[in-house]
C-alpha atoms as a PDB file:
ATOM      1  CA  UNK A   1     124.819  69.558  76.794  1.00  0.00           C
ATOM      2  CA  UNK A   2     123.638  66.055  77.693  1.00  0.00           C
ATOM      3  CA  UNK A   3     120.008  65.340  76.955  1.00  0.00           C
ATOM      4  CA  UNK A   4     118.279  63.921  80.036  1.00  0.00           C
ATOM      5  CA  UNK A   5     114.636  63.977  78.968  1.00  0.00           C
ATOM      6  CA  UNK A   6     112.927  63.297  75.687  1.00  0.00           C
ATOM      7  CA  UNK A   7     109.318  63.560  74.628  1.00  0.00           C
ATOM      8  CA  UNK A   8     107.956  63.264  71.091  1.00  0.00           C
ATOM      9  CA  UNK A   9     104.702  62.756  69.241  1.00  0.00           C
ATOM     10  CA  UNK A  10     106.127  59.796  67.308  1.00  0.00           C
ATOM     11  CA  UNK A  11     107.289  56.599  68.999  1.00  0.00           C
ATOM     12  CA  UNK A  12     110.047  55.969  66.424  1.00  0.00           C
ATOM     13  CA  UNK A  13     111.918  58.918  67.865  1.00  0.00           C
ATOM     14  CA  UNK A  14     112.467  56.757  70.954  1.00  0.00           C
ATOM     15  CA  UNK A  15     113.748  53.428  69.512  1.00  0.00           C
ATOM     16  CA  UNK A  16     114.728  51.868  72.837  1.00  0.00           C
ATOM     17  CA  UNK A  17     111.639  51.093  74.950  1.00  0.00           C
ATOM     18  CA  UNK A  18     113.738  51.165  78.099  1.00  0.00           C
ATOM     19  CA  UNK A  19     114.786  54.713  77.272  1.00  0.00           C
ATOM     20  CA  UNK A  20     111.325  55.866  76.280  1.00  0.00           C
ATOM     21  CA  UNK A  21     110.831  57.984  79.382  1.00  0.00           C
ATOM     22  CA  UNK A  22     107.291  56.680  79.837  1.00  0.00           C
ATOM     23  CA  UNK A  23     106.209  58.060  76.473  1.00  0.00           C
ATOM     24  CA  UNK A  24     103.371  55.543  76.240  1.00  0.00           C
ATOM     25  CA  UNK A  25     101.912  56.678  79.545  1.00  0.00           C
ATOM     26  CA  UNK A  26     102.774  60.364  79.222  1.00  0.00           C
ATOM     27  CA  UNK A  27      99.549  62.226  78.499  1.00  0.00           C
ATOM     28  CA  UNK A  28     100.739  65.754  79.125  1.00  0.00           C
ATOM     29  CA  UNK A  29     104.003  67.627  79.503  1.00  0.00           C
ATOM     30  CA  UNK A  30     105.242  71.196  79.418  1.00  0.00           C
ATOM     31  CA  UNK A  31     107.309  72.768  76.677  1.00  0.00           C
ATOM     32  CA  UNK A  32     108.700  76.208  77.522  1.00  0.00           C
ATOM     33  CA  UNK A  33     105.908  76.597  80.043  1.00  0.00           C
ATOM     34  CA  UNK A  34     103.147  75.647  77.597  1.00  0.00           C
ATOM     35  CA  UNK A  35     101.248  72.401  78.228  1.00  0.00           C
ATOM     36  CA  UNK A  36     101.443  69.861  75.383  1.00  0.00           C
ATOM     37  CA  UNK A  37      99.685  66.530  74.827  1.00  0.00           C
ATOM     38  CA  UNK A  38     102.128  64.364  72.807  1.00  0.00           C
ATOM     39  CA  UNK A  39      99.586  61.656  71.960  1.00  0.00           C
ATOM     40  CA  UNK A  40      97.169  64.198  70.451  1.00  0.00           C
ATOM     41  CA  UNK A  41      99.888  66.684  69.460  1.00  0.00           C
ATOM     42  CA  UNK A  42      97.979  69.665  70.784  1.00  0.00           C
ATOM     43  CA  UNK A  43      98.598  72.590  73.116  1.00  0.00           C
ATOM     44  CA  UNK A  44      96.638  73.295  76.279  1.00  0.00           C
ATOM     45  CA  UNK A  45      96.193  76.469  78.284  1.00  0.00           C
ATOM     46  CA  UNK A  46      96.015  75.685  81.992  1.00  0.00           C
ATOM     47  CA  UNK A  47      94.430  78.146  84.410  1.00  0.00           C
ATOM     48  CA  UNK A  48      93.719  77.750  88.118  1.00  0.00           C
ATOM     49  CA  UNK A  49      90.660  79.741  89.131  1.00  0.00           C
ATOM     50  CA  UNK A  50      90.090  80.794  92.738  1.00  0.00           C
ATOM     51  CA  UNK A  51      86.605  82.101  93.459  1.00  0.00           C
ATOM     52  CA  UNK A  52      86.149  84.376  96.461  1.00  0.00           C
ATOM     53  CA  UNK A  53      83.524  86.493  98.167  1.00  0.00           C
ATOM     54  CA  UNK A  54      85.401  89.708  97.319  1.00  0.00           C
ATOM     55  CA  UNK A  55      88.185  90.908  95.019  1.00  0.00           C
ATOM     56  CA  UNK A  56      90.551  93.864  94.890  1.00  0.00           C
ATOM     57  CA  UNK A  57      92.210  95.475  91.893  1.00  0.00           C
ATOM     58  CA  UNK A  58      95.386  93.663  92.941  1.00  0.00           C
ATOM     59  CA  UNK A  59      93.536  90.323  92.742  1.00  0.00           C
ATOM     60  CA  UNK A  60      92.347  91.116  89.219  1.00  0.00           C
ATOM     61  CA  UNK A  61      95.857  91.974  88.039  1.00  0.00           C
ATOM     62  CA  UNK A  62      97.234  88.820  89.662  1.00  0.00           C
ATOM     63  CA  UNK A  63      94.707  86.641  87.835  1.00  0.00           C
ATOM     64  CA  UNK A  64      95.415  88.270  84.476  1.00  0.00           C
ATOM     65  CA  UNK A  65      99.170  87.824  84.967  1.00  0.00           C
ATOM     66  CA  UNK A  66      98.730  84.109  85.718  1.00  0.00           C
ATOM     67  CA  UNK A  67      97.190  83.360  82.317  1.00  0.00           C
ATOM     68  CA  UNK A  68     100.380  82.206  80.599  1.00  0.00           C
ATOM     69  CA  UNK A  69      99.780  82.451  76.870  1.00  0.00           C
ATOM     70  CA  UNK A  70     103.030  83.509  75.154  1.00  0.00           C
ATOM     71  CA  UNK A  71     101.778  82.673  71.652  1.00  0.00           C
ATOM     72  CA  UNK A  72      98.501  84.560  71.973  1.00  0.00           C
ATOM     73  CA  UNK A  73      96.156  81.639  71.390  1.00  0.00           C
ATOM     74  CA  UNK A  74      93.771  83.000  74.011  1.00  0.00           C
ATOM     75  CA  UNK A  75      94.136  86.675  73.057  1.00  0.00           C
ATOM     76  CA  UNK A  76      90.359  87.397  72.930  1.00  0.00           C
ATOM     77  CA  UNK A  77      89.992  86.167  76.521  1.00  0.00           C
ATOM     78  CA  UNK A  78      93.016  88.107  77.753  1.00  0.00           C
ATOM     79  CA  UNK A  79      91.725  91.213  75.957  1.00  0.00           C
ATOM     80  CA  UNK A  80      88.476  90.878  77.890  1.00  0.00           C
ATOM     81  CA  UNK A  81      90.397  90.790  81.174  1.00  0.00           C
ATOM     82  CA  UNK A  82      92.683  93.688  80.192  1.00  0.00           C
ATOM     83  CA  UNK A  83      89.714  95.846  79.216  1.00  0.00           C
ATOM     84  CA  UNK A  84      88.122  95.138  82.596  1.00  0.00           C
ATOM     85  CA  UNK A  85      91.358  95.994  84.395  1.00  0.00           C
ATOM     86  CA  UNK A  86      91.624  99.298  82.547  1.00  0.00           C
ATOM     87  CA  UNK A  87      88.087 100.137  83.672  1.00  0.00           C
ATOM     88  CA  UNK A  88      89.269  99.735  87.251  1.00  0.00           C
ATOM     89  CA  UNK A  89      92.128 102.137  86.551  1.00  0.00           C
ATOM     90  CA  UNK A  90      89.714 104.683  85.105  1.00  0.00           C
ATOM     91  CA  UNK A  91      87.506 104.413  88.199  1.00  0.00           C
ATOM     92  CA  UNK A  92      90.495 105.442  90.371  1.00  0.00           C
ATOM     93  CA  UNK A  93      90.368 102.323  92.557  1.00  0.00           C
ATOM     94  CA  UNK A  94      93.403 101.772  94.773  1.00  0.00           C
ATOM     95  CA  UNK A  95      95.233  98.446  94.723  1.00  0.00           C
ATOM     96  CA  UNK A  96      93.571  97.101  97.860  1.00  0.00           C
ATOM     97  CA  UNK A  97      90.117  98.591  97.325  1.00  0.00           C
ATOM     98  CA  UNK A  98      87.304  96.062  96.983  1.00  0.00           C
ATOM     99  CA  UNK A  99      85.502  95.938  93.657  1.00  0.00           C
ATOM    100  CA  UNK A 100      82.078  97.643  93.605  1.00  0.00           C
ATOM    101  CA  UNK A 101      79.060  95.335  93.421  1.00  0.00           C
ATOM    102  CA  UNK A 102      78.586  95.592  89.642  1.00  0.00           C
ATOM    103  CA  UNK A 103      82.268  95.007  88.880  1.00  0.00           C
ATOM    104  CA  UNK A 104      82.368  92.147  91.396  1.00  0.00           C
ATOM    105  CA  UNK A 105      79.516  90.327  89.649  1.00  0.00           C
ATOM    106  CA  UNK A 106      81.113  90.843  86.248  1.00  0.00           C
ATOM    107  CA  UNK A 107      84.522  89.592  87.416  1.00  0.00           C
ATOM    108  CA  UNK A 108      82.994  86.611  89.237  1.00  0.00           C
ATOM    109  CA  UNK A 109      81.151  85.641  86.069  1.00  0.00           C
ATOM    110  CA  UNK A 110      84.382  85.950  84.071  1.00  0.00           C
ATOM    111  CA  UNK A 111      86.259  83.698  86.519  1.00  0.00           C
ATOM    112  CA  UNK A 112      83.568  81.023  86.393  1.00  0.00           C
ATOM    113  CA  UNK A 113      83.755  81.124  82.607  1.00  0.00           C
ATOM    114  CA  UNK A 114      87.572  81.105  82.701  1.00  0.00           C
ATOM    115  CA  UNK A 115      87.603  77.468  83.812  1.00  0.00           C
ATOM    116  CA  UNK A 116      86.456  76.557  80.284  1.00  0.00           C
ATOM    117  CA  UNK A 117      89.921  77.419  78.976  1.00  0.00           C
ATOM    118  CA  UNK A 118      91.145  74.136  80.435  1.00  0.00           C
ATOM    119  CA  UNK A 119      88.889  72.307  77.955  1.00  0.00           C
ATOM    120  CA  UNK A 120      90.418  73.911  74.856  1.00  0.00           C
ATOM    121  CA  UNK A 121      92.882  71.848  72.809  1.00  0.00           C
ATOM    122  CA  UNK A 122      94.801  73.661  70.055  1.00  0.00           C
ATOM    123  CA  UNK A 123      96.528  71.536  67.359  1.00  0.00           C
ATOM    124  CA  UNK A 124     100.267  72.176  67.256  1.00  0.00           C
ATOM    125  CA  UNK A 125     100.641  71.289  63.588  1.00  0.00           C
ATOM    126  CA  UNK A 126     100.033  74.259  61.305  1.00  0.00           C
ATOM    127  CA  UNK A 127     100.917  72.739  57.904  1.00  0.00           C
ATOM    128  CA  UNK A 128      99.202  70.089  55.814  1.00  0.00           C
ATOM    129  CA  UNK A 129     101.352  67.078  54.846  1.00  0.00           C
ATOM    130  CA  UNK A 130     103.728  67.861  51.964  1.00  0.00           C
ATOM    131  CA  UNK A 131     102.509  71.420  51.354  1.00  0.00           C
ATOM    132  CA  UNK A 132     102.885  72.872  47.879  1.00  0.00           C
ATOM    133  CA  UNK A 133     101.338  76.264  48.646  1.00  0.00           C
ATOM    134  CA  UNK A 134     101.857  78.219  51.869  1.00  0.00           C
ATOM    135  CA  UNK A 135     100.170  81.532  52.608  1.00  0.00           C
ATOM    136  CA  UNK A 136     100.406  83.826  55.620  1.00  0.00           C
ATOM    137  CA  UNK A 137      97.266  85.830  56.401  1.00  0.00           C
ATOM    138  CA  UNK A 138      97.340  88.623  58.954  1.00  0.00           C
ATOM    139  CA  UNK A 139      94.249  90.400  60.287  1.00  0.00           C
ATOM    140  CA  UNK A 140      94.058  93.703  62.184  1.00  0.00           C
ATOM    141  CA  UNK A 141      91.157  95.339  63.992  1.00  0.00           C
ATOM    142  CA  UNK A 142      90.414  97.903  66.693  1.00  0.00           C
ATOM    143  CA  UNK A 143      87.608  99.064  68.930  1.00  0.00           C
ATOM    144  CA  UNK A 144      87.480 102.074  71.232  1.00  0.00           C
ATOM    145  CA  UNK A 145      88.794  99.883  74.056  1.00  0.00           C
ATOM    146  CA  UNK A 146      91.392  97.602  72.482  1.00  0.00           C
ATOM    147  CA  UNK A 147      93.204  96.777  69.240  1.00  0.00           C
ATOM    148  CA  UNK A 148      94.906  93.625  68.069  1.00  0.00           C
ATOM    149  CA  UNK A 149      96.238  91.408  65.307  1.00  0.00           C
ATOM    150  CA  UNK A 150      95.999  87.717  64.450  1.00  0.00           C
ATOM    151  CA  UNK A 151      98.174  85.716  62.037  1.00  0.00           C
ATOM    152  CA  UNK A 152      97.141  82.506  60.266  1.00  0.00           C
ATOM    153  CA  UNK A 153      98.925  80.003  58.054  1.00  0.00           C
ATOM    154  CA  UNK A 154      97.143  78.422  55.105  1.00  0.00           C
ATOM    155  CA  UNK A 155      98.731  75.429  53.389  1.00  0.00           C
ATOM    156  CA  UNK A 156      97.602  73.261  50.495  1.00  0.00           C
ATOM    157  CA  UNK A 157      99.077  70.134  48.888  1.00  0.00           C
ATOM    158  CA  UNK A 158      98.720  68.349  45.550  1.00  0.00           C
ATOM    159  CA  UNK A 159      95.793  66.328  46.901  1.00  0.00           C
ATOM    160  CA  UNK A 160      93.910  69.613  47.345  1.00  0.00           C
ATOM    161  CA  UNK A 161      93.981  69.142  51.108  1.00  0.00           C
ATOM    162  CA  UNK A 162      93.831  72.534  52.803  1.00  0.00           C
ATOM    163  CA  UNK A 163      94.686  73.439  56.377  1.00  0.00           C
ATOM    164  CA  UNK A 164      94.272  76.833  58.037  1.00  0.00           C
ATOM    165  CA  UNK A 165      95.631  77.359  61.540  1.00  0.00           C
ATOM    166  CA  UNK A 166      96.096  80.244  63.939  1.00  0.00           C
ATOM    167  CA  UNK A 167      99.813  80.890  64.477  1.00  0.00           C
ATOM    168  CA  UNK A 168      99.862  83.784  66.903  1.00  0.00           C
ATOM    169  CA  UNK A 169      98.082  86.951  67.950  1.00  0.00           C
ATOM    170  CA  UNK A 170      98.718  90.043  70.014  1.00  0.00           C
ATOM    171  CA  UNK A 171      96.548  92.671  71.666  1.00  0.00           C
ATOM    172  CA  UNK A 172      96.913  96.115  73.216  1.00  0.00           C
ATOM    173  CA  UNK A 173      94.400  98.049  75.287  1.00  0.00           C
ATOM    174  CA  UNK A 174      93.611 101.475  73.885  1.00  0.00           C
ATOM    175  CA  UNK A 175      95.513 104.312  75.592  1.00  0.00           C
ATOM    176  CA  UNK A 176      93.817 106.232  78.394  1.00  0.00           C
ATOM    177  CA  UNK A 177      93.983 109.340  76.214  1.00  0.00           C
ATOM    178  CA  UNK A 178      91.261 108.588  73.706  1.00  0.00           C
ATOM    179  CA  UNK A 179      92.046 108.186  70.008  1.00  0.00           C
ATOM    180  CA  UNK A 180      89.666 108.058  67.072  1.00  0.00           C
ATOM    181  CA  UNK A 181      88.724 104.609  65.798  1.00  0.00           C
ATOM    182  CA  UNK A 182      90.614 105.107  62.485  1.00  0.00           C
ATOM    183  CA  UNK A 183      93.796 105.934  64.406  1.00  0.00           C
ATOM    184  CA  UNK A 184      93.351 102.893  66.621  1.00  0.00           C
ATOM    185  CA  UNK A 185      92.814 100.816  63.469  1.00  0.00           C
ATOM    186  CA  UNK A 186      96.102 102.220  62.189  1.00  0.00           C
ATOM    187  CA  UNK A 187      97.826 101.188  65.429  1.00  0.00           C
ATOM    188  CA  UNK A 188      96.434  97.698  64.872  1.00  0.00           C
ATOM    189  CA  UNK A 189      97.878  97.686  61.353  1.00  0.00           C
ATOM    190  CA  UNK A 190     101.319  98.615  62.713  1.00  0.00           C
ATOM    191  CA  UNK A 191     101.046  95.831  65.282  1.00  0.00           C
ATOM    192  CA  UNK A 192     100.081  93.368  62.546  1.00  0.00           C
ATOM    193  CA  UNK A 193     102.928  94.350  60.215  1.00  0.00           C
ATOM    194  CA  UNK A 194     105.485  93.871  63.003  1.00  0.00           C
ATOM    195  CA  UNK A 195     103.926  90.576  64.072  1.00  0.00           C
ATOM    196  CA  UNK A 196     103.888  89.136  60.546  1.00  0.00           C
ATOM    197  CA  UNK A 197     107.530  90.137  60.101  1.00  0.00           C
ATOM    198  CA  UNK A 198     108.456  88.173  63.223  1.00  0.00           C
ATOM    199  CA  UNK A 199     106.375  85.147  62.209  1.00  0.00           C
ATOM    200  CA  UNK A 200     107.896  84.952  58.732  1.00  0.00           C
ATOM    201  CA  UNK A 201     111.419  85.182  60.157  1.00  0.00           C
ATOM    202  CA  UNK A 202     110.817  82.703  62.993  1.00  0.00           C
ATOM    203  CA  UNK A 203     109.174  80.050  60.786  1.00  0.00           C
ATOM    204  CA  UNK A 204     111.496  80.733  57.835  1.00  0.00           C
ATOM    205  CA  UNK A 205     108.575  81.309  55.480  1.00  0.00           C
ATOM    206  CA  UNK A 206     110.135  84.058  53.375  1.00  0.00           C
ATOM    207  CA  UNK A 207     108.749  82.457  50.200  1.00  0.00           C
ATOM    208  CA  UNK A 208     105.177  82.259  51.500  1.00  0.00           C
ATOM    209  CA  UNK A 209     102.604  84.519  49.890  1.00  0.00           C
ATOM    210  CA  UNK A 210     101.491  87.287  52.252  1.00  0.00           C
ATOM    211  CA  UNK A 211      98.024  88.778  52.720  1.00  0.00           C
ATOM    212  CA  UNK A 212      97.396  91.600  55.183  1.00  0.00           C
ATOM    213  CA  UNK A 213      93.765  92.331  56.017  1.00  0.00           C
ATOM    214  CA  UNK A 214      91.965  95.258  57.645  1.00  0.00           C
ATOM    215  CA  UNK A 215      88.275  96.167  57.784  1.00  0.00           C
ATOM    216  CA  UNK A 216      89.079  99.901  57.919  1.00  0.00           C
ATOM    217  CA  UNK A 217      88.764 101.595  54.532  1.00  0.00           C
ATOM    218  CA  UNK A 218      90.340 104.740  55.980  1.00  0.00           C
ATOM    219  CA  UNK A 219      93.499 102.879  57.031  1.00  0.00           C
ATOM    220  CA  UNK A 220      93.760 101.200  53.634  1.00  0.00           C
ATOM    221  CA  UNK A 221      93.434 104.599  51.953  1.00  0.00           C
ATOM    222  CA  UNK A 222      96.136 106.071  54.228  1.00  0.00           C
ATOM    223  CA  UNK A 223      98.478 103.258  53.213  1.00  0.00           C
ATOM    224  CA  UNK A 224      98.083 104.250  49.552  1.00  0.00           C
ATOM    225  CA  UNK A 225      99.309 107.779  50.199  1.00  0.00           C
ATOM    226  CA  UNK A 226     102.753 109.284  50.674  1.00  0.00           C
ATOM    227  CA  UNK A 227     103.467 109.617  54.426  1.00  0.00           C
ATOM    228  CA  UNK A 228     104.553 113.257  54.025  1.00  0.00           C
ATOM    229  CA  UNK A 229     101.013 114.158  52.922  1.00  0.00           C
ATOM    230  CA  UNK A 230      99.560 113.030  56.254  1.00  0.00           C
ATOM    231  CA  UNK A 231      99.475 114.446  59.767  1.00  0.00           C
ATOM    232  CA  UNK A 232     102.303 113.512  62.136  1.00  0.00           C
ATOM    233  CA  UNK A 233     100.558 110.731  64.091  1.00  0.00           C
ATOM    234  CA  UNK A 234      99.339 109.023  60.928  1.00  0.00           C
ATOM    235  CA  UNK A 235     102.497 109.851  58.982  1.00  0.00           C
ATOM    236  CA  UNK A 236     104.828 108.053  61.394  1.00  0.00           C
ATOM    237  CA  UNK A 237     102.760 104.893  61.497  1.00  0.00           C
ATOM    238  CA  UNK A 238     102.078 104.739  57.777  1.00  0.00           C
ATOM    239  CA  UNK A 239     105.801 105.172  57.129  1.00  0.00           C
ATOM    240  CA  UNK A 240     106.578 102.292  59.498  1.00  0.00           C
ATOM    241  CA  UNK A 241     104.063  99.984  57.832  1.00  0.00           C
ATOM    242  CA  UNK A 242     105.299 100.862  54.343  1.00  0.00           C
ATOM    243  CA  UNK A 243     108.857 100.237  55.508  1.00  0.00           C
ATOM    244  CA  UNK A 244     107.894  96.683  56.486  1.00  0.00           C
ATOM    245  CA  UNK A 245     105.513  95.765  53.638  1.00  0.00           C
ATOM    246  CA  UNK A 246     104.265  97.389  50.408  1.00  0.00           C
ATOM    247  CA  UNK A 247     100.677  98.603  50.372  1.00  0.00           C
ATOM    248  CA  UNK A 248      99.857  96.160  47.560  1.00  0.00           C
ATOM    249  CA  UNK A 249      99.696  93.386  50.172  1.00  0.00           C
ATOM    250  CA  UNK A 250      96.865  95.052  52.077  1.00  0.00           C
ATOM    251  CA  UNK A 251      93.268  94.032  51.400  1.00  0.00           C
ATOM    252  CA  UNK A 252      89.855  94.860  52.793  1.00  0.00           C
ATOM    253  CA  UNK A 253      87.962  92.222  54.773  1.00  0.00           C
ATOM    254  CA  UNK A 254      84.343  92.583  55.961  1.00  0.00           C
ATOM    255  CA  UNK A 255      84.121  93.081  59.721  1.00  0.00           C
ATOM    256  CA  UNK A 256      82.079  89.918  60.248  1.00  0.00           C
ATOM    257  CA  UNK A 257      84.861  87.875  58.597  1.00  0.00           C
ATOM    258  CA  UNK A 258      87.710  89.471  60.538  1.00  0.00           C
ATOM    259  CA  UNK A 259      88.916  87.197  63.380  1.00  0.00           C
ATOM    260  CA  UNK A 260      90.900  90.081  64.898  1.00  0.00           C
ATOM    261  CA  UNK A 261      87.515  91.571  65.806  1.00  0.00           C
ATOM    262  CA  UNK A 262      87.411  89.035  68.648  1.00  0.00           C
ATOM    263  CA  UNK A 263      90.704  90.396  69.968  1.00  0.00           C
ATOM    264  CA  UNK A 264      89.644  94.031  69.793  1.00  0.00           C
ATOM    265  CA  UNK A 265      86.373  93.489  71.648  1.00  0.00           C
ATOM    266  CA  UNK A 266      87.252  90.656  73.997  1.00  0.00           C
ATOM    267  CA  UNK A 267      85.379  87.380  74.385  1.00  0.00           C
ATOM    268  CA  UNK A 268      84.271  85.410  77.427  1.00  0.00           C
ATOM    269  CA  UNK A 269      86.180  82.108  77.725  1.00  0.00           C
ATOM    270  CA  UNK A 270      83.086  79.920  77.358  1.00  0.00           C
ATOM    271  CA  UNK A 271      82.088  81.746  74.167  1.00  0.00           C
ATOM    272  CA  UNK A 272      85.560  81.332  72.654  1.00  0.00           C
ATOM    273  CA  UNK A 273      84.857  77.593  72.505  1.00  0.00           C
ATOM    274  CA  UNK A 274      82.034  78.388  70.082  1.00  0.00           C
ATOM    275  CA  UNK A 275      84.191  80.622  67.840  1.00  0.00           C
ATOM    276  CA  UNK A 276      85.599  78.065  65.422  1.00  0.00           C
ATOM    277  CA  UNK A 277      86.875  80.734  63.042  1.00  0.00           C
ATOM    278  CA  UNK A 278      89.209  82.084  65.739  1.00  0.00           C
ATOM    279  CA  UNK A 279      91.373  78.961  65.606  1.00  0.00           C
ATOM    280  CA  UNK A 280      90.772  78.070  61.933  1.00  0.00           C
ATOM    281  CA  UNK A 281      90.372  81.471  60.302  1.00  0.00           C
ATOM    282  CA  UNK A 282      87.413  82.856  58.318  1.00  0.00           C
ATOM    283  CA  UNK A 283      85.531  80.549  55.967  1.00  0.00           C
ATOM    284  CA  UNK A 284      86.898  82.160  52.794  1.00  0.00           C
ATOM    285  CA  UNK A 285      90.408  80.917  53.643  1.00  0.00           C
ATOM    286  CA  UNK A 286      89.314  77.278  53.645  1.00  0.00           C
ATOM    287  CA  UNK A 287      87.162  77.480  50.528  1.00  0.00           C
ATOM    288  CA  UNK A 288      88.126  77.476  46.871  1.00  0.00           C
ATOM    289  CA  UNK A 289      86.345  80.742  46.133  1.00  0.00           C
ATOM    290  CA  UNK A 290      88.194  83.982  45.522  1.00  0.00           C
ATOM    291  CA  UNK A 291      89.205  86.122  48.468  1.00  0.00           C
ATOM    292  CA  UNK A 292      87.225  89.298  49.251  1.00  0.00           C
ATOM    293  CA  UNK A 293      87.595  92.084  46.704  1.00  0.00           C
ATOM    294  CA  UNK A 294      90.672  94.206  47.276  1.00  0.00           C
ATOM    295  CA  UNK A 295      89.149  97.339  45.688  1.00  0.00           C
ATOM    296  CA  UNK A 296      89.328 100.376  47.969  1.00  0.00           C
ATOM    297  CA  UNK A 297      86.743 103.113  47.519  1.00  0.00           C
ATOM    298  CA  UNK A 298      87.452 106.028  49.828  1.00  0.00           C
ATOM    299  CA  UNK A 299      87.718 109.790  49.711  1.00  0.00           C
ATOM    300  CA  UNK A 300      91.131 111.052  48.691  1.00  0.00           C
ATOM    301  CA  UNK A 301      91.150 113.802  51.309  1.00  0.00           C
ATOM    302  CA  UNK A 302      92.266 112.210  54.551  1.00  0.00           C
ATOM    303  CA  UNK A 303      93.836 113.608  57.712  1.00  0.00           C
END
């Protein structure tokens, strides 16, 4: 295959100025559908917002589908939109029915806020220069409306320079048939285990140290038990998690330090700009202090 176009974040990769493909003047390009600024080496999420005097359920779905975010960098925002869309399903609205006044105001406010996504720049580089230590940290969380997972990479070099970056995240709206919060937290843990497995394989980080975090003491206690001692729903999911990773990797994180909490509850786009720990992880990852205590205190009798 003959290479016709080339774009890089380092000019030495294009030694012939006449064959530089306007690198010096190129401020933005697309890579697999994702906008990238070569000069700043950062990703952008581009969204076109169309405000109107009325919206239907079809319009809402169309807007959600147009937010192209394959990596999950904007998962809290997309969760917010998915939760809203599920509310419309629960209200039995038809595809071409206009949104009621309250829902219209809420959706209009979301769309106005959505334009702020265009101002977010996410660094592409996830590793510090010449890393000596690489850790993968995965976080899981759930609410009654949604559950999700977020994966971060922490790297450190001999100069004690530390970098923590969001790699990917994924969210799922809670099923229409209601589940208890502990069971939704367990679903989030399954989602996280699968996501971390894919990240480690894709980035070839098999030697990286893994940390899996949940703020649910019940889920962490389930993972310490034999699957056969649990009820079917829990048994199947605990078995799947234990098949992917041993329970020794799982730790408890306080809810206010769990970035996956943003995914499970949804965040307005303008407020995501203020959530620094979504893109850079909780403060304890960047510091030199010990990580939160891994001790699990929970009743032995669990469903």
